[in-house]
C-alpha atoms as a PDB file:
ATOM      1  CA  MET A   1       8.502 136.197  22.442  1.00  0.00           C
ATOM      2  CA  PRO A   2      10.240 135.673  19.098  1.00  0.00           C
ATOM      3  CA  ASN A   3      12.606 132.707  19.082  1.00  0.00           C
ATOM      4  CA  ASP A   4      15.702 134.865  18.500  1.00  0.00           C
ATOM      5  CA  ALA A   5      15.247 136.534  21.901  1.00  0.00           C
ATOM      6  CA  LEU A   6      14.646 133.146  23.528  1.00  0.00           C
ATOM      7  CA  GLY A   7      17.758 131.844  21.776  1.00  0.00           C
ATOM      8  CA  PHE A   8      19.856 134.700  23.131  1.00  0.00           C
ATOM      9  CA  TYR A   9      18.675 134.044  26.689  1.00  0.00           C
ATOM     10  CA  ALA A  10      19.149 130.274  26.293  1.00  0.00           C
ATOM     11  CA  ASN A  11      22.766 130.786  25.246  1.00  0.00           C
ATOM     12  CA  ASN A  12      23.566 133.547  27.747  1.00  0.00           C
ATOM     13  CA  ALA A  13      21.408 132.756  30.802  1.00  0.00           C
ATOM     14  CA  ALA A  14      24.222 132.427  33.353  1.00  0.00           C
ATOM     15  CA  THR A  15      26.033 135.569  32.175  1.00  0.00           C
ATOM     16  CA  TYR A  16      22.786 137.538  31.979  1.00  0.00           C
ATOM     17  CA  ALA A  17      21.742 136.460  35.475  1.00  0.00           C
ATOM     18  CA  ALA A  18      25.157 137.296  36.958  1.00  0.00           C
ATOM     19  CA  ARG A  19      25.054 140.856  35.550  1.00  0.00           C
ATOM     20  CA  SER A  20      21.575 141.649  36.823  1.00  0.00           C
ATOM     21  CA  SER A  21      20.749 143.953  39.710  1.00  0.00           C
ATOM     22  CA  VAL A  22      17.475 144.957  41.356  1.00  0.00           C
ATOM     23  CA  ASN A  23      15.490 147.456  39.306  1.00  0.00           C
ATOM     24  CA  PRO A  24      15.703 150.874  41.024  1.00  0.00           C
ATOM     25  CA  LYS A  25      12.108 151.527  39.871  1.00  0.00           C
ATOM     26  CA  LEU A  26      10.711 148.443  41.669  1.00  0.00           C
ATOM     27  CA  GLU A  27       9.473 150.462  44.654  1.00  0.00           C
ATOM     28  CA  SER A  28       7.371 152.634  42.319  1.00  0.00           C
ATOM     29  CA  PHE A  29       5.294 149.489  41.738  1.00  0.00           C
ATOM     30  CA  LEU A  30       5.318 147.842  45.162  1.00  0.00           C
ATOM     31  CA  LYS A  31       3.881 150.874  46.953  1.00  0.00           C
ATOM     32  CA  PHE A  32       0.619 150.310  45.036  1.00  0.00           C
ATOM     33  CA  VAL A  33       0.268 146.574  45.740  1.00  0.00           C
ATOM     34  CA  ARG A  34      -1.430 145.509  48.963  1.00  0.00           C
ATOM     35  CA  PRO A  35       1.038 144.148  51.559  1.00  0.00           C
ATOM     36  CA  THR A  36       1.531 140.364  51.197  1.00  0.00           C
ATOM     37  CA  GLY A  37      -0.326 140.522  47.860  1.00  0.00           C
ATOM     38  CA  LEU A  38       0.221 137.986  45.085  1.00  0.00           C
ATOM     39  CA  ILE A  39       2.360 139.376  42.246  1.00  0.00           C
ATOM     40  CA  LEU A  40       2.835 137.769  38.839  1.00  0.00           C
ATOM     41  CA  GLU A  41       6.243 138.560  37.414  1.00  0.00           C
ATOM     42  CA  LEU A  42       6.342 138.213  33.640  1.00  0.00           C
ATOM     43  CA  GLY A  43       9.963 137.783  32.579  1.00  0.00           C
ATOM     44  CA  THR A  44      11.717 137.287  35.906  1.00  0.00           C
ATOM     45  CA  GLY A  45      15.119 136.929  34.210  1.00  0.00           C
ATOM     46  CA  SER A  46      17.655 136.343  36.972  1.00  0.00           C
ATOM     47  CA  GLY A  47      14.961 136.479  39.660  1.00  0.00           C
ATOM     48  CA  ARG A  48      16.541 139.534  41.322  1.00  0.00           C
ATOM     49  CA  ASP A  49      13.337 141.582  41.490  1.00  0.00           C
ATOM     50  CA  ALA A  50      11.264 138.564  42.596  1.00  0.00           C
ATOM     51  CA  LYS A  51      13.763 138.025  45.417  1.00  0.00           C
ATOM     52  CA  ALA A  52      13.429 141.663  46.516  1.00  0.00           C
ATOM     53  CA  MET A  53       9.621 141.355  46.478  1.00  0.00           C
ATOM     54  CA  LEU A  54       9.716 138.133  48.511  1.00  0.00           C
ATOM     55  CA  GLU A  55      12.046 139.763  51.041  1.00  0.00           C
ATOM     56  CA  GLN A  56       9.448 142.519  51.499  1.00  0.00           C
ATOM     57  CA  GLY A  57       6.728 139.986  52.302  1.00  0.00           C
ATOM     58  CA  PHE A  58       4.950 139.767  48.949  1.00  0.00           C
ATOM     59  CA  ASP A  59       3.916 136.427  47.461  1.00  0.00           C
ATOM     60  CA  VAL A  60       5.445 136.159  43.987  1.00  0.00           C
ATOM     61  CA  ASP A  61       4.634 133.924  41.024  1.00  0.00           C
ATOM     62  CA  PRO A  62       7.816 134.332  38.939  1.00  0.00           C
ATOM     63  CA  THR A  63       7.704 133.275  35.276  1.00  0.00           C
ATOM     64  CA  ASP A  64       9.999 133.501  32.279  1.00  0.00           C
ATOM     65  CA  GLY A  65       9.696 132.472  28.644  1.00  0.00           C
ATOM     66  CA  SER A  66      13.237 131.092  28.705  1.00  0.00           C
ATOM     67  CA  GLY A  67      13.662 127.742  30.430  1.00  0.00           C
ATOM     68  CA  GLU A  68      17.323 128.541  31.007  1.00  0.00           C
ATOM     69  CA  LEU A  69      16.560 131.843  32.736  1.00  0.00           C
ATOM     70  CA  ALA A  70      13.788 130.165  34.738  1.00  0.00           C
ATOM     71  CA  ALA A  71      16.405 127.677  35.986  1.00  0.00           C
ATOM     72  CA  GLU A  72      18.801 130.509  36.943  1.00  0.00           C
ATOM     73  CA  ALA A  73      16.010 132.301  38.810  1.00  0.00           C
ATOM     74  CA  SER A  74      14.916 129.075  40.537  1.00  0.00           C
ATOM     75  CA  ALA A  75      18.452 128.629  41.851  1.00  0.00           C
ATOM     76  CA  LEU A  76      18.512 132.189  43.215  1.00  0.00           C
ATOM     77  CA  LEU A  77      15.019 132.049  44.700  1.00  0.00           C
ATOM     78  CA  GLN A  78      15.190 128.461  45.952  1.00  0.00           C
ATOM     79  CA  ARG A  79      11.686 127.900  44.600  1.00  0.00           C
ATOM     80  CA  PRO A  80      10.187 126.883  41.254  1.00  0.00           C
ATOM     81  CA  VAL A  81       9.955 129.436  38.460  1.00  0.00           C
ATOM     82  CA  ARG A  82       7.415 128.608  35.757  1.00  0.00           C
ATOM     83  CA  GLN A  83       8.441 128.697  32.128  1.00  0.00           C
ATOM     84  CA  MET A  84       5.582 130.572  30.474  1.00  0.00           C
ATOM     85  CA  LEU A  85       5.202 132.686  27.364  1.00  0.00           C
ATOM     86  CA  PHE A  86       3.016 135.790  27.549  1.00  0.00           C
ATOM     87  CA  HIS A  87       0.249 134.329  25.381  1.00  0.00           C
ATOM     88  CA  GLU A  88      -0.027 131.386  27.808  1.00  0.00           C
ATOM     89  CA  LEU A  89      -1.354 133.590  30.609  1.00  0.00           C
ATOM     90  CA  GLU A  90      -4.816 132.191  31.374  1.00  0.00           C
ATOM     91  CA  ALA A  91      -5.399 133.399  34.965  1.00  0.00           C
ATOM     92  CA  VAL A  92      -8.642 135.178  35.832  1.00  0.00           C
ATOM     93  CA  GLU A  93      -8.748 137.755  38.658  1.00  0.00           C
ATOM     94  CA  ARG A  94      -5.900 136.025  40.495  1.00  0.00           C
ATOM     95  CA  TYR A  95      -3.190 138.646  41.015  1.00  0.00           C
ATOM     96  CA  ASP A  96      -2.924 141.790  43.136  1.00  0.00           C
ATOM     97  CA  GLY A  97      -0.159 142.994  40.830  1.00  0.00           C
ATOM     98  CA  ILE A  98       1.643 142.138  37.600  1.00  0.00           C
ATOM     99  CA  TYR A  99       5.253 143.222  37.124  1.00  0.00           C
ATOM    100  CA  ALA A 100       6.871 143.114  33.666  1.00  0.00           C
ATOM    101  CA  SER A 101      10.242 144.846  33.741  1.00  0.00           C
ATOM    102  CA  ALA A 102      11.808 145.021  30.268  1.00  0.00           C
ATOM    103  CA  SER A 103      10.052 141.832  29.194  1.00  0.00           C
ATOM    104  CA  LEU A 104       6.956 142.770  27.177  1.00  0.00           C
ATOM    105  CA  LEU A 105       9.243 144.679  24.817  1.00  0.00           C
ATOM    106  CA  HIS A 106      10.180 141.256  23.391  1.00  0.00           C
ATOM    107  CA  ALA A 107       6.540 140.604  22.379  1.00  0.00           C
ATOM    108  CA  SER A 108       5.633 141.478  18.812  1.00  0.00           C
ATOM    109  CA  ARG A 109       3.507 144.554  18.239  1.00  0.00           C
ATOM    110  CA  ALA A 110       0.797 142.350  16.726  1.00  0.00           C
ATOM    111  CA  ASP A 111       0.653 140.196  19.894  1.00  0.00           C
ATOM    112  CA  LEU A 112       0.705 143.035  22.429  1.00  0.00           C
ATOM    113  CA  PRO A 113      -3.045 143.895  22.378  1.00  0.00           C
ATOM    114  CA  ASP A 114      -3.953 140.296  23.286  1.00  0.00           C
ATOM    115  CA  ILE A 115      -1.300 140.248  26.017  1.00  0.00           C
ATOM    116  CA  VAL A 116      -2.681 143.494  27.493  1.00  0.00           C
ATOM    117  CA  ARG A 117      -6.159 141.941  27.599  1.00  0.00           C
ATOM    118  CA  ARG A 118      -4.770 138.785  29.245  1.00  0.00           C
ATOM    119  CA  MET A 119      -2.978 140.819  31.918  1.00  0.00           C
ATOM    120  CA  HIS A 120      -6.096 142.886  32.607  1.00  0.00           C
ATOM    121  CA  ARG A 121      -8.146 139.702  33.003  1.00  0.00           C
ATOM    122  CA  ALA A 122      -5.520 138.160  35.338  1.00  0.00           C
ATOM    123  CA  LEU A 123      -5.624 141.100  37.772  1.00  0.00           C
ATOM    124  CA  LYS A 124      -8.067 141.315  40.658  1.00  0.00           C
ATOM    125  CA  ALA A 125     -10.244 144.438  40.767  1.00  0.00           C
ATOM    126  CA  GLY A 126      -8.013 147.254  42.009  1.00  0.00           C
ATOM    127  CA  GLY A 127      -4.835 145.368  41.041  1.00  0.00           C
ATOM    128  CA  TRP A 128      -1.889 147.142  39.424  1.00  0.00           C
ATOM    129  CA  LEU A 129       0.214 146.407  36.349  1.00  0.00           C
ATOM    130  CA  TRP A 130       3.751 147.782  35.905  1.00  0.00           C
ATOM    131  CA  ALA A 131       5.543 147.380  32.550  1.00  0.00           C
ATOM    132  CA  SER A 132       8.588 149.029  30.986  1.00  0.00           C
ATOM    133  CA  PHE A 133       9.585 149.459  27.348  1.00  0.00           C
ATOM    134  CA  LYS A 134      12.529 150.896  25.414  1.00  0.00           C
ATOM    135  CA  ASP A 135      11.735 153.943  23.286  1.00  0.00           C
ATOM    136  CA  GLY A 136      12.221 153.817  19.563  1.00  0.00           C
ATOM    137  CA  PRO A 137      10.618 153.523  16.156  1.00  0.00           C
ATOM    138  CA  GLY A 138       8.920 150.231  15.380  1.00  0.00           C
ATOM    139  CA  GLU A 139      10.213 146.711  15.688  1.00  0.00           C
ATOM    140  CA  GLY A 140      13.799 145.592  15.268  1.00  0.00           C
ATOM    141  CA  TYR A 141      16.865 143.963  16.748  1.00  0.00           C
ATOM    142  CA  ASP A 142      19.509 145.208  19.133  1.00  0.00           C
ATOM    143  CA  THR A 143      23.250 144.694  18.642  1.00  0.00           C
ATOM    144  CA  LEU A 144      23.002 141.406  20.574  1.00  0.00           C
ATOM    145  CA  GLY A 145      20.433 140.020  18.130  1.00  0.00           C
ATOM    146  CA  ARG A 146      17.418 140.250  20.447  1.00  0.00           C
ATOM    147  CA  TYR A 147      14.043 141.205  18.979  1.00  0.00           C
ATOM    148  CA  TYR A 148      12.508 144.404  20.410  1.00  0.00           C
ATOM    149  CA  ASN A 149       9.169 146.114  20.020  1.00  0.00           C
ATOM    150  CA  TYR A 150      10.347 149.714  20.429  1.00  0.00           C
ATOM    151  CA  MET A 151       7.527 152.153  21.204  1.00  0.00           C
ATOM    152  CA  SER A 152       6.873 155.754  22.116  1.00  0.00           C
ATOM    153  CA  ALA A 153       4.949 156.670  25.258  1.00  0.00           C
ATOM    154  CA  ASP A 154       1.982 157.676  23.068  1.00  0.00           C
ATOM    155  CA  GLU A 155       1.933 154.268  21.371  1.00  0.00           C
ATOM    156  CA  ILE A 156       2.004 152.482  24.732  1.00  0.00           C
ATOM    157  CA  ALA A 157      -0.860 154.625  26.050  1.00  0.00           C
ATOM    158  CA  ARG A 158      -2.916 153.915  22.930  1.00  0.00           C
ATOM    159  CA  ILE A 159      -2.399 150.141  23.139  1.00  0.00           C
ATOM    160  CA  TRP A 160      -3.232 150.111  26.863  1.00  0.00           C
ATOM    161  CA  ASN A 161      -6.335 152.291  26.530  1.00  0.00           C
ATOM    162  CA  ASP A 162      -7.637 150.594  23.377  1.00  0.00           C
ATOM    163  CA  ASN A 163      -7.440 147.049  24.718  1.00  0.00           C
ATOM    164  CA  ALA A 164      -8.715 147.055  28.298  1.00  0.00           C
ATOM    165  CA  ALA A 165     -10.995 149.068  30.583  1.00  0.00           C
ATOM    166  CA  TRP A 166      -8.408 150.321  33.077  1.00  0.00           C
ATOM    167  CA  ASN A 167      -9.440 152.491  36.039  1.00  0.00           C
ATOM    168  CA  ALA A 168      -6.174 154.410  35.713  1.00  0.00           C
ATOM    169  CA  VAL A 169      -3.249 154.545  33.282  1.00  0.00           C
ATOM    170  CA  SER A 170      -0.122 156.632  33.824  1.00  0.00           C
ATOM    171  CA  LEU A 171       3.191 156.851  32.022  1.00  0.00           C
ATOM    172  CA  GLU A 172       6.645 157.945  33.088  1.00  0.00           C
ATOM    173  CA  SER A 173       9.904 158.184  31.125  1.00  0.00           C
ATOM    174  CA  TRP A 174      13.525 158.193  32.243  1.00  0.00           C
ATOM    175  CA  GLN A 175      17.051 157.842  30.871  1.00  0.00           C
ATOM    176  CA  GLY A 176      18.878 154.658  31.768  1.00  0.00           C
ATOM    177  CA  SER A 177      20.548 151.712  30.104  1.00  0.00           C
ATOM    178  CA  GLY A 178      19.901 148.046  29.494  1.00  0.00           C
ATOM    179  CA  TYR A 179      21.909 144.835  29.514  1.00  0.00           C
ATOM    180  CA  ASP A 180      23.919 146.134  26.544  1.00  0.00           C
ATOM    181  CA  GLN A 181      24.895 149.225  28.628  1.00  0.00           C
ATOM    182  CA  LYS A 182      23.783 151.615  25.864  1.00  0.00           C
ATOM    183  CA  PRO A 183      21.959 154.824  26.869  1.00  0.00           C
ATOM    184  CA  THR A 184      18.236 154.154  26.645  1.00  0.00           C
ATOM    185  CA  LEU A 185      15.065 156.178  27.003  1.00  0.00           C
ATOM    186  CA  TRP A 186      12.675 153.965  28.988  1.00  0.00           C
ATOM    187  CA  HIS A 187       8.898 154.255  29.269  1.00  0.00           C
ATOM    188  CA  LEU A 188       6.960 152.869  32.212  1.00  0.00           C
ATOM    189  CA  VAL A 189       3.233 152.238  32.107  1.00  0.00           C
ATOM    190  CA  MET A 190       1.296 151.755  35.347  1.00  0.00           C
ATOM    191  CA  SER A 191      -2.332 150.745  35.093  1.00  0.00           C
ATOM    192  CA  GLN A 192      -4.998 149.749  37.581  1.00  0.00           C
ATOM    193  CA  ARG A 193      -7.834 147.367  36.886  1.00  0.00           C
END
C-alpha cells in the first residue's frame, strides 16, 4: 500500500472507524466459506466485518496495513489484529476464505499480480477469495489524497486469470459509495482455489 494511503489512515483512524458499517455484500462471501472456517481479512479497517464474521461462528485472522486502524479494530474485536502489508502474506494453504473489502484497491497495479499469487497460495483447496475494487481508469488519488488502483471488471478478470490457476472466477458490479460518500461503481471478484 503506498505510504500516502497509510498516512491518511494513520491520521484519520478513529474517524474512519467510527463511520464504518458492516458491508452489505458480506453475506455474498460467507455463504461460500465452510461453517467455522478460518478467514483471512486483508484490510480489516474498523474491524466491523471481522466482528460480523466472528458473531456468525467463523474464525477470523484480521489484518491491516495501518497500525492505527489495527489498533481501532483490536479495540472493537477485543482480540489482536495483525499489522501486515499485502506483500507480507506468506501463508500456504492455511485459509478457507480470504476477504478483501475495498483494500486491494490501494495496492499498486504493478504489485497486484504478486498479491493475487500470494492469496491463491494462502487458500486451502476449495477456498474462496472475495475482493472489491472501485471502477475507473488507471491509478490515481481520490479527493482525500488516498492512492487508488482503479480498474474495470475486464482488467480485474485478466489479472486474476493470468496470475493463478483458479477453479472459478466470477465478477459482479454494483452502484454504491465509499468513505468519501461519492457515487461509485464497484466491482467484486470471487474466485475459488
